[in-house]
Protein backbone atom coordinates (compact mmCIF):
# COMPACT_ATOMS: atom_id res chain seq x y z
CA MET A 1 0.13 -0.01 -0.22
CA LEU A 2 2.95 2.34 0.79
CA VAL A 3 4.95 1.80 -2.52
CA ALA A 4 2.51 0.94 -5.10
CA PRO A 5 -0.99 1.65 -3.81
CA GLY A 6 -2.36 1.40 -7.38
CA ARG A 7 -2.13 -2.56 -7.01
CA PHE A 8 -4.62 -2.65 -4.57
CA PHE A 9 -7.22 -0.08 -6.49
CA LYS A 10 -7.32 2.11 -9.29
CA PRO A 11 -6.91 5.62 -7.56
CA GLU A 12 -9.37 8.20 -8.99
CA SER A 13 -7.86 11.16 -6.88
CA GLY A 14 -4.53 11.77 -5.07
CA THR A 15 -6.61 11.67 -1.67
CA GLU A 16 -7.27 7.95 -2.27
CA THR A 17 -3.38 7.61 -3.17
CA LEU A 18 -2.50 9.17 0.04
CA LEU A 19 -4.96 7.72 1.82
CA MET A 20 -3.50 4.13 0.96
CA GLN A 21 0.03 5.34 1.36
CA THR A 22 -0.79 6.58 4.96
CA ILE A 23 -2.40 3.33 5.83
CA GLY A 24 0.88 1.33 4.34
CA ILE A 25 3.02 3.46 6.46
CA ARG A 26 1.39 3.02 9.63
CA ASP A 27 1.13 -0.79 8.85
CA VAL A 28 4.96 -1.01 8.29
CA VAL A 29 5.41 0.72 11.71
CA LEU A 30 3.25 -1.61 13.62
CA GLY A 31 4.16 -4.37 11.72
CA SER A 32 8.12 -3.99 12.28
CA GLY A 33 7.34 -3.43 15.87
CA ALA A 34 5.34 -6.75 16.09
CA CYS A 35 8.13 -8.67 14.28
CA ALA A 36 11.07 -7.21 16.51
CA ALA A 37 8.96 -8.04 19.58
CA TRP A 38 8.33 -11.59 18.40
CA VAL A 39 12.08 -12.13 17.51
CA ARG A 40 13.14 -10.56 20.73
CA SER A 41 10.82 -11.95 23.58
CA GLY A 42 8.21 -14.05 22.09
CA GLY A 43 4.57 -13.79 23.06
CA GLY A 44 4.09 -11.00 25.41
CA GLU A 45 5.40 -8.06 23.75
CA PHE A 46 4.13 -9.40 20.25
CA ARG A 47 0.76 -9.65 21.45
CA GLY A 48 0.63 -6.01 22.71
CA TRP A 49 2.06 -4.78 19.17
CA ALA A 50 -0.55 -7.21 17.31
CA THR A 51 -3.39 -6.04 19.47
CA VAL A 52 -2.75 -2.47 18.77
CA GLY A 53 -2.42 -3.20 15.15
CA VAL A 54 -5.79 -5.20 15.06
CA ILE A 55 -7.69 -2.38 17.02
CA SER A 56 -5.95 0.26 14.40
CA ASP A 57 -7.02 -1.89 11.34
CA SER A 58 -10.36 -2.55 12.90
CA ALA A 59 -11.18 1.03 13.47
CA ASP A 60 -10.12 1.80 9.64
CA LEU A 61 -12.63 -0.81 8.43
CA LEU A 62 -15.38 0.88 10.91
CA LEU A 63 -14.81 4.29 9.77
CA GLY A 64 -14.66 3.28 6.27
CA LEU A 65 -18.02 1.43 6.70
CA ARG A 66 -19.70 4.92 7.89
CA SER A 67 -17.61 7.11 5.31
CA LYS A 68 -19.94 6.81 2.19
CA SER A 69 -21.61 10.24 2.63
CA LEU A 70 -18.14 11.89 2.99
CA VAL A 71 -16.27 10.32 -0.12
CA GLY A 72 -18.87 8.54 -2.16
CA ALA A 73 -19.67 4.66 -2.26
CA ARG A 74 -16.73 3.44 -4.28
CA SER A 75 -13.97 5.08 -1.98
CA ALA A 76 -16.00 4.26 1.11
CA LEU A 77 -15.79 0.58 -0.19
CA ILE A 78 -12.08 0.88 -0.68
CA ALA A 79 -11.56 2.30 2.83
CA ALA A 80 -13.63 -0.32 4.41
CA LEU A 81 -12.23 -3.38 2.44
CA ALA A 82 -8.63 -2.21 2.52
CA PRO A 83 -7.79 -3.21 6.02
CA VAL A 84 -9.75 -6.52 6.31
CA PRO A 85 -6.71 -8.78 5.27
CA PHE A 86 -4.52 -6.94 7.95
CA VAL A 87 -7.26 -7.41 10.48
CA GLY A 88 -7.33 -11.07 9.49
CA ALA A 89 -3.83 -11.51 9.70
CA GLY A 90 -3.48 -9.88 13.10
CA LEU A 91 -6.09 -11.77 14.54
CA LEU A 92 -4.55 -15.07 13.10
CA GLY A 93 -1.24 -13.81 14.74
CA LEU A 94 -2.90 -13.29 18.00
CA VAL A 95 -4.42 -16.84 17.93
CA ARG A 96 -1.31 -18.48 17.02
CA SER A 97 1.05 -16.55 19.18
CA PRO A 98 1.80 -17.94 22.64
CA ARG A 99 0.00 -16.05 25.63
CA LYS A 100 3.19 -15.67 27.94
CA SER A 101 6.78 -14.80 27.10
CA GLN A 102 9.22 -17.71 26.88
């Protein structure tokens, strides 16, 4: 989303491209923190990073669902669907991660 947002959708405006890139930046930061925590300490610290990522992406999804009146149906659909894979990946990571640091 950061480097090539056009791979996910055909942007109709610079605003849509910017939206995808800002989501990409945030996901790189949260994902890097989660990966570093997983490598360093295992479950506990990783679960914190993963939880924050899931909360953030879920909030993006909810905001997208209610944004039709602001940005139109197509852009709202893009905003709502873009975080779905990240919510899924985050939940999968939480389910599979150990509950305590090892």
